[in-house]
Structures are given as structure tokens and as C-alpha cells.
Amino acid sequence: MHEMAISESIVQIIEEQAEAQNFSEVKTVWLEIGRFAGIEIEALRFTFDVVSRNSVAEGSSLEIIEIPGTAWCLECGKNVDIKQRFDPCPECGGFQLQVSGGEEMRIKELEVN
């Protein structure tokens, strides 16, 4: 379950920022997670709750913003939204798609005290 390692990294980043920016409590964490990032959201929520205990993020709310999957179609030359990898281009039906978005994950925002 790589969600545990991801949660540990998120809490580590939050702890570093708490020290650098002098805050002592996190109320809400907003994460942007791409559709193709390979992260099980419910597992991430569970592991974040466990890992954040005894940290400045303990008890904070984890809000997920899903980033859609996008690809560049080599056949029609358009950027298109796709629901899953290996889907055909919704514009021309071609299969020569290069994923251009939806693989990212980042902490977008923190609500702190």
C-alpha cells in the first residue's frame, strides 16, 4: 500500500512548513490528485488519519480535488479529456494519444491556525 508512504510524505511536508511558517495546527489539507496518479483515495484518507496523529495535521480534514486525465492526440492534433488510459480519442477515434495531464499529485493549500 503506497498510500501509507504518500501520507507520510504529506505529513512530513506539512511539519516542515509548520516550522518554517510558524503555524501550530492544520485544519484542512487540499490535495490535487490526477485521475491517472494510481492512488486509492479512500486508502489515502485512512492512512493520512493514522500518520497525522501526534502532528500539527492531527484531526485535519483531507479534501481531494481530482484532476481530469488529458492527452494529446497525435492523429488530430488536439488536447482531449480521457477517462482512462488507452481510450480512443473522443474527437477522431484514433489511438495515438500521449497523456499530458492527470498523473500529478500535489498539496494545493493548507488552512492553518
PDB file of N, CA and C in Angstrom:
ATOM      1  N   MET A   1       0.847  -1.174   0.000  1.00  0.00           N
ATOM      2  CA  MET A   1       0.000   0.000   0.000  1.00  0.00           C
ATOM      3  C   MET A   1       0.892   1.237   0.000  1.00  0.00           C
ATOM      4  N   HIS A   2       1.109   1.824  -1.175  1.00  0.00           N
ATOM      5  CA  HIS A   2       1.962   3.003  -1.263  1.00  0.00           C
ATOM      6  C   HIS A   2       1.287   4.255  -0.729  1.00  0.00           C
ATOM      7  N   GLU A   3      -0.013   4.192  -0.458  1.00  0.00           N
ATOM      8  CA  GLU A   3      -0.712   5.339   0.112  1.00  0.00           C
ATOM      9  C   GLU A   3      -0.149   5.708   1.487  1.00  0.00           C
ATOM     10  N   MET A   4       0.350   4.713   2.224  1.00  0.00           N
ATOM     11  CA  MET A   4       0.966   4.988   3.534  1.00  0.00           C
ATOM     12  C   MET A   4       2.210   5.852   3.351  1.00  0.00           C
ATOM     13  N   ALA A   5       3.051   5.494   2.402  1.00  0.00           N
ATOM     14  CA  ALA A   5       4.263   6.282   2.148  1.00  0.00           C
ATOM     15  C   ALA A   5       3.909   7.688   1.656  1.00  0.00           C
ATOM     16  N   ILE A   6       2.880   7.791   0.845  1.00  0.00           N
ATOM     17  CA  ILE A   6       2.441   9.104   0.364  1.00  0.00           C
ATOM     18  C   ILE A   6       1.941   9.946   1.534  1.00  0.00           C
ATOM     19  N   SER A   7       1.146   9.342   2.411  1.00  0.00           N
ATOM     20  CA  SER A   7       0.643  10.062   3.592  1.00  0.00           C
ATOM     21  C   SER A   7       1.784  10.518   4.484  1.00  0.00           C
ATOM     22  N   GLU A   8       2.786   9.664   4.664  1.00  0.00           N
ATOM     23  CA  GLU A   8       3.951  10.043   5.473  1.00  0.00           C
ATOM     24  C   GLU A   8       4.666  11.245   4.853  1.00  0.00           C
ATOM     25  N   SER A   9       4.787  11.249   3.535  1.00  0.00           N
ATOM     26  CA  SER A   9       5.435  12.378   2.858  1.00  0.00           C
ATOM     27  C   SER A   9       4.625  13.658   3.005  1.00  0.00           C
ATOM     28  N   ILE A  10       3.310  13.547   2.893  1.00  0.00           N
ATOM     29  CA  ILE A  10       2.445  14.724   3.055  1.00  0.00           C
ATOM     30  C   ILE A  10       2.604  15.311   4.451  1.00  0.00           C
ATOM     31  N   VAL A  11       2.561  14.460   5.466  1.00  0.00           N
ATOM     32  CA  VAL A  11       2.702  14.941   6.845  1.00  0.00           C
ATOM     33  C   VAL A  11       4.087  15.534   7.071  1.00  0.00           C
ATOM     34  N   GLN A  12       5.110  14.939   6.488  1.00  0.00           N
ATOM     35  CA  GLN A  12       6.464  15.482   6.617  1.00  0.00           C
ATOM     36  C   GLN A  12       6.550  16.886   6.007  1.00  0.00           C
ATOM     37  N   ILE A  13       5.965  17.073   4.839  1.00  0.00           N
ATOM     38  CA  ILE A  13       5.955  18.390   4.194  1.00  0.00           C
ATOM     39  C   ILE A  13       5.199  19.397   5.067  1.00  0.00           C
ATOM     40  N   ILE A  14       4.065  18.979   5.615  1.00  0.00           N
ATOM     41  CA  ILE A  14       3.276  19.866   6.474  1.00  0.00           C
ATOM     42  C   ILE A  14       4.078  20.247   7.719  1.00  0.00           C
ATOM     43  N   GLU A  15       4.748  19.281   8.326  1.00  0.00           N
ATOM     44  CA  GLU A  15       5.564  19.568   9.519  1.00  0.00           C
ATOM     45  C   GLU A  15       6.689  20.549   9.191  1.00  0.00           C
ATOM     46  N   GLU A  16       7.338  20.372   8.035  1.00  0.00           N
ATOM     47  CA  GLU A  16       8.402  21.285   7.631  1.00  0.00           C
ATOM     48  C   GLU A  16       7.860  22.702   7.428  1.00  0.00           C
ATOM     49  N   GLN A  17       6.696  22.796   6.807  1.00  0.00           N
ATOM     50  CA  GLN A  17       6.094  24.108   6.578  1.00  0.00           C
ATOM     51  C   GLN A  17       5.617  24.744   7.883  1.00  0.00           C
ATOM     52  N   ALA A  18       5.133  23.935   8.812  1.00  0.00           N
ATOM     53  CA  ALA A  18       4.708  24.454  10.114  1.00  0.00           C
ATOM     54  C   ALA A  18       5.880  25.111  10.828  1.00  0.00           C
ATOM     55  N   GLU A  19       7.030  24.476  10.751  1.00  0.00           N
ATOM     56  CA  GLU A  19       8.217  25.038  11.393  1.00  0.00           C
ATOM     57  C   GLU A  19       8.681  26.298  10.655  1.00  0.00           C
ATOM     58  N   ALA A  20       8.694  26.261   9.348  1.00  0.00           N
ATOM     59  CA  ALA A  20       9.187  27.390   8.550  1.00  0.00           C
ATOM     60  C   ALA A  20       8.247  28.595   8.624  1.00  0.00           C
ATOM     61  N   GLN A  21       6.930  28.335   8.724  1.00  0.00           N
ATOM     62  CA  GLN A  21       5.971  29.427   8.664  1.00  0.00           C
ATOM     63  C   GLN A  21       5.265  29.700   9.995  1.00  0.00           C
ATOM     64  N   ASN A  22       5.696  29.038  11.037  1.00  0.00           N
ATOM     65  CA  ASN A  22       5.185  29.263  12.393  1.00  0.00           C
ATOM     66  C   ASN A  22       3.680  29.070  12.540  1.00  0.00           C
ATOM     67  N   PHE A  23       3.172  27.932  12.155  1.00  0.00           N
ATOM     68  CA  PHE A  23       1.796  27.606  12.498  1.00  0.00           C
ATOM     69  C   PHE A  23       1.800  26.316  13.309  1.00  0.00           C
ATOM     70  N   SER A  24       0.764  26.138  14.129  1.00  0.00           N
ATOM     71  CA  SER A  24       0.764  25.017  15.065  1.00  0.00           C
ATOM     72  C   SER A  24      -0.360  24.017  14.840  1.00  0.00           C
ATOM     73  N   GLU A  25      -1.252  24.338  13.913  1.00  0.00           N
ATOM     74  CA  GLU A  25      -2.388  23.440  13.683  1.00  0.00           C
ATOM     75  C   GLU A  25      -2.850  23.572  12.237  1.00  0.00           C
ATOM     76  N   VAL A  26      -3.179  22.430  11.647  1.00  0.00           N
ATOM     77  CA  VAL A  26      -3.731  22.408  10.299  1.00  0.00           C
ATOM     78  C   VAL A  26      -5.181  21.972  10.403  1.00  0.00           C
ATOM     79  N   LYS A  27      -6.070  22.771   9.830  1.00  0.00           N
ATOM     80  CA  LYS A  27      -7.494  22.428   9.859  1.00  0.00           C
ATOM     81  C   LYS A  27      -7.899  21.637   8.619  1.00  0.00           C
ATOM     82  N   THR A  28      -7.396  22.064   7.451  1.00  0.00           N
ATOM     83  CA  THR A  28      -7.776  21.428   6.192  1.00  0.00           C
ATOM     84  C   THR A  28      -6.562  21.329   5.279  1.00  0.00           C
ATOM     85  N   VAL A  29      -6.460  20.190   4.593  1.00  0.00           N
ATOM     86  CA  VAL A  29      -5.428  19.965   3.587  1.00  0.00           C
ATOM     87  C   VAL A  29      -6.139  19.697   2.270  1.00  0.00           C
ATOM     88  N   TRP A  30      -5.840  20.507   1.253  1.00  0.00           N
ATOM     89  CA  TRP A  30      -6.389  20.281  -0.074  1.00  0.00           C
ATOM     90  C   TRP A  30      -5.305  19.653  -0.931  1.00  0.00           C
ATOM     91  N   LEU A  31      -5.616  18.488  -1.492  1.00  0.00           N
ATOM     92  CA  LEU A  31      -4.694  17.793  -2.387  1.00  0.00           C
ATOM     93  C   LEU A  31      -5.274  17.747  -3.784  1.00  0.00           C
ATOM     94  N   GLU A  32      -4.447  18.009  -4.760  1.00  0.00           N
ATOM     95  CA  GLU A  32      -4.825  17.780  -6.148  1.00  0.00           C
ATOM     96  C   GLU A  32      -4.236  16.431  -6.540  1.00  0.00           C
ATOM     97  N   ILE A  33      -5.112  15.549  -7.024  1.00  0.00           N
ATOM     98  CA  ILE A  33      -4.672  14.208  -7.414  1.00  0.00           C
ATOM     99  C   ILE A  33      -5.216  13.922  -8.803  1.00  0.00           C
ATOM    100  N   GLY A  34      -4.320  13.605  -9.715  1.00  0.00           N
ATOM    101  CA  GLY A  34      -4.703  13.288 -11.080  1.00  0.00           C
ATOM    102  C   GLY A  34      -5.400  11.937 -11.173  1.00  0.00           C
ATOM    103  N   ARG A  35      -6.295  11.850 -12.135  1.00  0.00           N
ATOM    104  CA  ARG A  35      -7.065  10.625 -12.358  1.00  0.00           C
ATOM    105  C   ARG A  35      -6.151   9.417 -12.596  1.00  0.00           C
ATOM    106  N   PHE A  36      -4.966   9.651 -13.185  1.00  0.00           N
ATOM    107  CA  PHE A  36      -4.056   8.555 -13.513  1.00  0.00           C
ATOM    108  C   PHE A  36      -2.908   8.415 -12.524  1.00  0.00           C
ATOM    109  N   ALA A  37      -3.014   9.046 -11.370  1.00  0.00           N
ATOM    110  CA  ALA A  37      -1.919   9.014 -10.391  1.00  0.00           C
ATOM    111  C   ALA A  37      -1.772   7.647  -9.715  1.00  0.00           C
ATOM    112  N   GLY A  38      -2.769   6.804  -9.837  1.00  0.00           N
ATOM    113  CA  GLY A  38      -2.673   5.461  -9.259  1.00  0.00           C
ATOM    114  C   GLY A  38      -2.837   5.451  -7.751  1.00  0.00           C
ATOM    115  N   ILE A  39      -3.617   6.382  -7.232  1.00  0.00           N
ATOM    116  CA  ILE A  39      -3.803   6.489  -5.793  1.00  0.00           C
ATOM    117  C   ILE A  39      -5.234   6.120  -5.444  1.00  0.00           C
ATOM    118  N   GLU A  40      -5.375   5.217  -4.485  1.00  0.00           N
ATOM    119  CA  GLU A  40      -6.692   4.837  -3.975  1.00  0.00           C
ATOM    120  C   GLU A  40      -7.075   5.870  -2.918  1.00  0.00           C
ATOM    121  N   ILE A  41      -8.063   6.696  -3.231  1.00  0.00           N
ATOM    122  CA  ILE A  41      -8.418   7.847  -2.398  1.00  0.00           C
ATOM    123  C   ILE A  41      -8.817   7.429  -0.985  1.00  0.00           C
ATOM    124  N   GLU A  42      -9.656   6.425  -0.843  1.00  0.00           N
ATOM    125  CA  GLU A  42     -10.103   6.017   0.492  1.00  0.00           C
ATOM    126  C   GLU A  42      -8.945   5.456   1.322  1.00  0.00           C
ATOM    127  N   ALA A  43      -8.030   4.743   0.680  1.00  0.00           N
ATOM    128  CA  ALA A  43      -6.843   4.261   1.392  1.00  0.00           C
ATOM    129  C   ALA A  43      -5.976   5.436   1.828  1.00  0.00           C
ATOM    130  N   LEU A  44      -5.870   6.449   0.976  1.00  0.00           N
ATOM    131  CA  LEU A  44      -5.094   7.637   1.333  1.00  0.00           C
ATOM    132  C   LEU A  44      -5.727   8.357   2.521  1.00  0.00           C
ATOM    133  N   ARG A  45      -7.051   8.484   2.516  1.00  0.00           N
ATOM    134  CA  ARG A  45      -7.739   9.127   3.646  1.00  0.00           C
ATOM    135  C   ARG A  45      -7.465   8.373   4.951  1.00  0.00           C
ATOM    136  N   PHE A  46      -7.561   7.048   4.893  1.00  0.00           N
ATOM    137  CA  PHE A  46      -7.335   6.233   6.082  1.00  0.00           C
ATOM    138  C   PHE A  46      -5.897   6.371   6.588  1.00  0.00           C
ATOM    139  N   THR A  47      -4.936   6.223   5.681  1.00  0.00           N
ATOM    140  CA  THR A  47      -3.538   6.286   6.116  1.00  0.00           C
ATOM    141  C   THR A  47      -3.154   7.682   6.577  1.00  0.00           C
ATOM    142  N   PHE A  48      -3.743   8.719   5.966  1.00  0.00           N
ATOM    143  CA  PHE A  48      -3.457  10.087   6.409  1.00  0.00           C
ATOM    144  C   PHE A  48      -3.931  10.285   7.847  1.00  0.00           C
ATOM    145  N   ASP A  49      -5.114   9.770   8.168  1.00  0.00           N
ATOM    146  CA  ASP A  49      -5.617   9.875   9.548  1.00  0.00           C
ATOM    147  C   ASP A  49      -4.674   9.193  10.530  1.00  0.00           C
ATOM    148  N   VAL A  50      -4.145   8.053  10.140  1.00  0.00           N
ATOM    149  CA  VAL A  50      -3.241   7.307  11.024  1.00  0.00           C
ATOM    150  C   VAL A  50      -1.906   8.029  11.159  1.00  0.00           C
ATOM    151  N   VAL A  51      -1.325   8.412  10.042  1.00  0.00           N
ATOM    152  CA  VAL A  51       0.017   9.014  10.036  1.00  0.00           C
ATOM    153  C   VAL A  51       0.030  10.403  10.662  1.00  0.00           C
ATOM    154  N   SER A  52      -1.076  11.133  10.557  1.00  0.00           N
ATOM    155  CA  SER A  52      -1.090  12.509  11.064  1.00  0.00           C
ATOM    156  C   SER A  52      -1.268  12.602  12.579  1.00  0.00           C
ATOM    157  N   ARG A  53      -1.503  11.484  13.239  1.00  0.00           N
ATOM    158  CA  ARG A  53      -1.634  11.522  14.710  1.00  0.00           C
ATOM    159  C   ARG A  53      -0.358  12.066  15.330  1.00  0.00           C
ATOM    160  N   ASN A  54      -0.530  12.864  16.373  1.00  0.00           N
ATOM    161  CA  ASN A  54       0.584  13.497  17.096  1.00  0.00           C
ATOM    162  C   ASN A  54       1.410  14.432  16.216  1.00  0.00           C
ATOM    163  N   SER A  55       0.774  15.020  15.203  1.00  0.00           N
ATOM    164  CA  SER A  55       1.439  16.013  14.365  1.00  0.00           C
ATOM    165  C   SER A  55       0.551  17.254  14.301  1.00  0.00           C
ATOM    166  N   VAL A  56       1.037  18.298  13.656  1.00  0.00           N
ATOM    167  CA  VAL A  56       0.225  19.508  13.516  1.00  0.00           C
ATOM    168  C   VAL A  56      -0.993  19.268  12.626  1.00  0.00           C
ATOM    169  N   ALA A  57      -0.999  18.171  11.888  1.00  0.00           N
ATOM    170  CA  ALA A  57      -2.113  17.851  10.993  1.00  0.00           C
ATOM    171  C   ALA A  57      -3.142  16.919  11.623  1.00  0.00           C
ATOM    172  N   GLU A  58      -2.929  16.541  12.888  1.00  0.00           N
ATOM    173  CA  GLU A  58      -3.873  15.624  13.544  1.00  0.00           C
ATOM    174  C   GLU A  58      -5.278  16.219  13.545  1.00  0.00           C
ATOM    175  N   GLY A  59      -6.241  15.425  13.108  1.00  0.00           N
ATOM    176  CA  GLY A  59      -7.634  15.851  13.095  1.00  0.00           C
ATOM    177  C   GLY A  59      -8.017  16.746  11.927  1.00  0.00           C
ATOM    178  N   SER A  60      -7.081  17.011  11.048  1.00  0.00           N
ATOM    179  CA  SER A  60      -7.395  17.885   9.912  1.00  0.00           C
ATOM    180  C   SER A  60      -8.250  17.156   8.883  1.00  0.00           C
ATOM    181  N   SER A  61      -8.960  17.939   8.114  1.00  0.00           N
ATOM    182  CA  SER A  61      -9.800  17.423   7.042  1.00  0.00           C
ATOM    183  C   SER A  61      -8.966  17.308   5.774  1.00  0.00           C
ATOM    184  N   LEU A  62      -9.114  16.201   5.069  1.00  0.00           N
ATOM    185  CA  LEU A  62      -8.393  15.983   3.818  1.00  0.00           C
ATOM    186  C   LEU A  62      -9.380  16.135   2.666  1.00  0.00           C
ATOM    187  N   GLU A  63      -9.193  17.183   1.866  1.00  0.00           N
ATOM    188  CA  GLU A  63     -10.071  17.460   0.729  1.00  0.00           C
ATOM    189  C   GLU A  63      -9.339  17.100  -0.554  1.00  0.00           C
ATOM    190  N   ILE A  64      -9.980  16.314  -1.410  1.00  0.00           N
ATOM    191  CA  ILE A  64      -9.365  15.840  -2.641  1.00  0.00           C
ATOM    192  C   ILE A  64      -9.977  16.570  -3.832  1.00  0.00           C
ATOM    193  N   ILE A  65      -9.119  17.136  -4.656  1.00  0.00           N
ATOM    194  CA  ILE A  65      -9.528  17.780  -5.900  1.00  0.00           C
ATOM    195  C   ILE A  65      -9.004  16.879  -7.026  1.00  0.00           C
ATOM    196  N   GLU A  66      -9.918  16.232  -7.757  1.00  0.00           N
ATOM    197  CA  GLU A  66      -9.486  15.328  -8.819  1.00  0.00           C
ATOM    198  C   GLU A  66      -9.165  16.109 -10.087  1.00  0.00           C
ATOM    199  N   ILE A  67      -7.980  15.860 -10.610  1.00  0.00           N
ATOM    200  CA  ILE A  67      -7.538  16.465 -11.855  1.00  0.00           C
ATOM    201  C   ILE A  67      -7.883  15.490 -12.981  1.00  0.00           C
ATOM    202  N   PRO A  68      -8.605  15.944 -13.997  1.00  0.00           N
ATOM    203  CA  PRO A  68      -9.003  15.016 -15.064  1.00  0.00           C
ATOM    204  C   PRO A  68      -7.809  14.537 -15.885  1.00  0.00           C
ATOM    205  N   GLY A  69      -8.017  13.426 -16.556  1.00  0.00           N
ATOM    206  CA  GLY A  69      -6.997  12.911 -17.456  1.00  0.00           C
ATOM    207  C   GLY A  69      -7.082  13.622 -18.795  1.00  0.00           C
ATOM    208  N   THR A  70      -5.947  14.074 -19.286  1.00  0.00           N
ATOM    209  CA  THR A  70      -5.900  14.717 -20.597  1.00  0.00           C
ATOM    210  C   THR A  70      -4.799  14.083 -21.430  1.00  0.00           C
ATOM    211  N   ALA A  71      -4.963  14.182 -22.734  1.00  0.00           N
ATOM    212  CA  ALA A  71      -3.969  13.616 -23.640  1.00  0.00           C
ATOM    213  C   ALA A  71      -3.891  14.453 -24.909  1.00  0.00           C
ATOM    214  N   TRP A  72      -2.750  14.351 -25.578  1.00  0.00           N
ATOM    215  CA  TRP A  72      -2.539  14.989 -26.862  1.00  0.00           C
ATOM    216  C   TRP A  72      -2.693  13.902 -27.917  1.00  0.00           C
ATOM    217  N   CYS A  73      -3.599  14.129 -28.858  1.00  0.00           N
ATOM    218  CA  CYS A  73      -3.827  13.156 -29.932  1.00  0.00           C
ATOM    219  C   CYS A  73      -2.880  13.472 -31.082  1.00  0.00           C
ATOM    220  N   LEU A  74      -2.037  12.513 -31.407  1.00  0.00           N
ATOM    221  CA  LEU A  74      -1.081  12.711 -32.491  1.00  0.00           C
ATOM    222  C   LEU A  74      -1.762  12.706 -33.858  1.00  0.00           C
ATOM    223  N   GLU A  75      -2.929  12.071 -33.926  1.00  0.00           N
ATOM    224  CA  GLU A  75      -3.620  11.973 -35.219  1.00  0.00           C
ATOM    225  C   GLU A  75      -4.365  13.252 -35.579  1.00  0.00           C
ATOM    226  N   CYS A  76      -5.139  13.813 -34.639  1.00  0.00           N
ATOM    227  CA  CYS A  76      -5.910  15.017 -34.966  1.00  0.00           C
ATOM    228  C   CYS A  76      -5.293  16.295 -34.392  1.00  0.00           C
ATOM    229  N   GLY A  77      -4.250  16.143 -33.555  1.00  0.00           N
ATOM    230  CA  GLY A  77      -3.539  17.306 -33.044  1.00  0.00           C
ATOM    231  C   GLY A  77      -4.270  18.099 -31.984  1.00  0.00           C
ATOM    232  N   LYS A  78      -5.184  17.441 -31.273  1.00  0.00           N
ATOM    233  CA  LYS A  78      -5.959  18.154 -30.257  1.00  0.00           C
ATOM    234  C   LYS A  78      -5.650  17.631 -28.860  1.00  0.00           C
ATOM    235  N   ASN A  79      -5.786  18.532 -27.869  1.00  0.00           N
ATOM    236  CA  ASN A  79      -5.770  18.127 -26.466  1.00  0.00           C
ATOM    237  C   ASN A  79      -7.173  17.667 -26.123  1.00  0.00           C
ATOM    238  N   VAL A  80      -7.307  16.484 -25.536  1.00  0.00           N
ATOM    239  CA  VAL A  80      -8.629  15.932 -25.242  1.00  0.00           C
ATOM    240  C   VAL A  80      -8.662  15.383 -23.822  1.00  0.00           C
ATOM    241  N   ASP A  81      -9.852  15.354 -23.248  1.00  0.00           N
ATOM    242  CA  ASP A  81     -10.064  14.713 -21.954  1.00  0.00           C
ATOM    243  C   ASP A  81     -10.320  13.231 -22.186  1.00  0.00           C
ATOM    244  N   ILE A  82      -9.687  12.390 -21.363  1.00  0.00           N
ATOM    245  CA  ILE A  82      -9.921  10.945 -21.441  1.00  0.00           C
ATOM    246  C   ILE A  82     -10.219  10.420 -20.048  1.00  0.00           C
ATOM    247  N   LYS A  83     -11.049   9.416 -19.982  1.00  0.00           N
ATOM    248  CA  LYS A  83     -11.451   8.851 -18.700  1.00  0.00           C
ATOM    249  C   LYS A  83     -10.461   7.812 -18.187  1.00  0.00           C
ATOM    250  N   GLN A  84      -9.818   7.091 -19.110  1.00  0.00           N
ATOM    251  CA  GLN A  84      -8.805   6.113 -18.701  1.00  0.00           C
ATOM    252  C   GLN A  84      -7.767   5.976 -19.800  1.00  0.00           C
ATOM    253  N   ARG A  85      -6.618   5.477 -19.408  1.00  0.00           N
ATOM    254  CA  ARG A  85      -5.550   5.258 -20.381  1.00  0.00           C
ATOM    255  C   ARG A  85      -6.035   4.286 -21.454  1.00  0.00           C
ATOM    256  N   PHE A  86      -5.514   4.441 -22.631  1.00  0.00           N
ATOM    257  CA  PHE A  86      -5.790   3.571 -23.777  1.00  0.00           C
ATOM    258  C   PHE A  86      -7.196   3.745 -24.345  1.00  0.00           C
ATOM    259  N   ASP A  87      -7.946   4.748 -23.878  1.00  0.00           N
ATOM    260  CA  ASP A  87      -9.204   5.094 -24.535  1.00  0.00           C
ATOM    261  C   ASP A  87      -8.873   5.713 -25.890  1.00  0.00           C
ATOM    262  N   PRO A  88      -9.774   5.585 -26.848  1.00  0.00           N
ATOM    263  CA  PRO A  88      -9.556   6.272 -28.130  1.00  0.00           C
ATOM    264  C   PRO A  88      -9.792   7.776 -27.972  1.00  0.00           C
ATOM    265  N   CYS A  89      -9.288   8.521 -28.904  1.00  0.00           N
ATOM    266  CA  CYS A  89      -9.514   9.967 -28.927  1.00  0.00           C
ATOM    267  C   CYS A  89     -11.008  10.229 -29.105  1.00  0.00           C
ATOM    268  N   PRO A  90     -11.603  11.040 -28.245  1.00  0.00           N
ATOM    269  CA  PRO A  90     -13.027  11.325 -28.389  1.00  0.00           C
ATOM    270  C   PRO A  90     -13.345  12.193 -29.618  1.00  0.00           C
ATOM    271  N   GLU A  91     -12.334  12.801 -30.208  1.00  0.00           N
ATOM    272  CA  GLU A  91     -12.535  13.656 -31.382  1.00  0.00           C
ATOM    273  C   GLU A  91     -12.466  12.868 -32.689  1.00  0.00           C
ATOM    274  N   CYS A  92     -11.405  12.030 -32.833  1.00  0.00           N
ATOM    275  CA  CYS A  92     -11.202  11.364 -34.123  1.00  0.00           C
ATOM    276  C   CYS A  92     -11.233   9.838 -34.036  1.00  0.00           C
ATOM    277  N   GLY A  93     -11.236   9.295 -32.820  1.00  0.00           N
ATOM    278  CA  GLY A  93     -11.259   7.840 -32.655  1.00  0.00           C
ATOM    279  C   GLY A  93      -9.893   7.192 -32.717  1.00  0.00           C
ATOM    280  N   GLY A  94      -8.857   7.981 -32.906  1.00  0.00           N
ATOM    281  CA  GLY A  94      -7.501   7.447 -33.005  1.00  0.00           C
ATOM    282  C   GLY A  94      -6.979   6.968 -31.652  1.00  0.00           C
ATOM    283  N   PHE A  95      -5.935   6.128 -31.719  1.00  0.00           N
ATOM    284  CA  PHE A  95      -5.360   5.561 -30.500  1.00  0.00           C
ATOM    285  C   PHE A  95      -3.947   6.046 -30.214  1.00  0.00           C
ATOM    286  N   GLN A  96      -3.472   7.016 -30.957  1.00  0.00           N
ATOM    287  CA  GLN A  96      -2.131   7.536 -30.725  1.00  0.00           C
ATOM    288  C   GLN A  96      -2.214   8.748 -29.799  1.00  0.00           C
ATOM    289  N   LEU A  97      -2.450   8.453 -28.520  1.00  0.00           N
ATOM    290  CA  LEU A  97      -2.605   9.505 -27.517  1.00  0.00           C
ATOM    291  C   LEU A  97      -1.407   9.520 -26.585  1.00  0.00           C
ATOM    292  N   GLN A  98      -0.954  10.708 -26.295  1.00  0.00           N
ATOM    293  CA  GLN A  98       0.127  10.900 -25.336  1.00  0.00           C
ATOM    294  C   GLN A  98      -0.464  11.606 -24.127  1.00  0.00           C
ATOM    295  N   VAL A  99      -0.466  10.927 -22.973  1.00  0.00           N
ATOM    296  CA  VAL A  99      -1.038  11.505 -21.757  1.00  0.00           C
ATOM    297  C   VAL A  99      -0.283  12.785 -21.414  1.00  0.00           C
ATOM    298  N   SER A 100      -1.030  13.862 -21.178  1.00  0.00           N
ATOM    299  CA  SER A 100      -0.420  15.149 -20.861  1.00  0.00           C
ATOM    300  C   SER A 100      -0.864  15.702 -19.506  1.00  0.00           C
ATOM    301  N   GLY A 101      -1.823  15.063 -18.871  1.00  0.00           N
ATOM    302  CA  GLY A 101      -2.284  15.520 -17.567  1.00  0.00           C
ATOM    303  C   GLY A 101      -3.073  14.445 -16.860  1.00  0.00           C
ATOM    304  N   GLY A 102      -3.097  14.546 -15.545  1.00  0.00           N
ATOM    305  CA  GLY A 102      -3.832  13.571 -14.754  1.00  0.00           C
ATOM    306  C   GLY A 102      -2.944  12.617 -13.988  1.00  0.00           C
ATOM    307  N   GLU A 103      -1.622  12.803 -14.072  1.00  0.00           N
ATOM    308  CA  GLU A 103      -0.698  11.947 -13.338  1.00  0.00           C
ATOM    309  C   GLU A 103      -0.143  12.635 -12.090  1.00  0.00           C
ATOM    310  N   GLU A 104      -0.450  13.910 -11.924  1.00  0.00           N
ATOM    311  CA  GLU A 104       0.148  14.707 -10.861  1.00  0.00           C
ATOM    312  C   GLU A 104      -0.528  14.509  -9.503  1.00  0.00           C
ATOM    313  N   MET A 105       0.201  14.891  -8.482  1.00  0.00           N
ATOM    314  CA  MET A 105      -0.333  14.957  -7.124  1.00  0.00           C
ATOM    315  C   MET A 105       0.445  16.041  -6.393  1.00  0.00           C
ATOM    316  N   ARG A 106      -0.276  16.945  -5.757  1.00  0.00           N
ATOM    317  CA  ARG A 106       0.406  17.999  -5.003  1.00  0.00           C
ATOM    318  C   ARG A 106      -0.496  18.533  -3.907  1.00  0.00           C
ATOM    319  N   ILE A 107       0.142  19.094  -2.902  1.00  0.00           N
ATOM    320  CA  ILE A 107      -0.596  19.807  -1.863  1.00  0.00           C
ATOM    321  C   ILE A 107      -0.921  21.169  -2.453  1.00  0.00           C
ATOM    322  N   LYS A 108      -2.190  21.442  -2.607  1.00  0.00           N
ATOM    323  CA  LYS A 108      -2.616  22.714  -3.208  1.00  0.00           C
ATOM    324  C   LYS A 108      -2.680  23.823  -2.183  1.00  0.00           C
ATOM    325  N   GLU A 109      -3.248  23.493  -0.985  1.00  0.00           N
ATOM    326  CA  GLU A 109      -3.497  24.536   0.000  1.00  0.00           C
ATOM    327  C   GLU A 109      -3.600  23.925   1.385  1.00  0.00           C
ATOM    328  N   LEU A 110      -3.247  24.713   2.385  1.00  0.00           N
ATOM    329  CA  LEU A 110      -3.438  24.337   3.793  1.00  0.00           C
ATOM    330  C   LEU A 110      -4.208  25.438   4.488  1.00  0.00           C
ATOM    331  N   GLU A 111      -5.190  25.056   5.290  1.00  0.00           N
ATOM    332  CA  GLU A 111      -5.859  26.000   6.187  1.00  0.00           C
ATOM    333  C   GLU A 111      -5.258  25.759   7.558  1.00  0.00           C
ATOM    334  N   VAL A 112      -4.636  26.785   8.116  1.00  0.00           N
ATOM    335  CA  VAL A 112      -3.871  26.624   9.351  1.00  0.00           C
ATOM    336  C   VAL A 112      -4.286  27.624  10.417  1.00  0.00           C
ATOM    337  N   ASN A 113      -3.870  27.338  11.640  1.00  0.00           N
ATOM    338  CA  ASN A 113      -4.003  28.264  12.777  1.00  0.00           C
ATOM    339  C   ASN A 113      -2.616  28.607  13.265  1.00  0.00           C
TER     340      ASN A 113
END
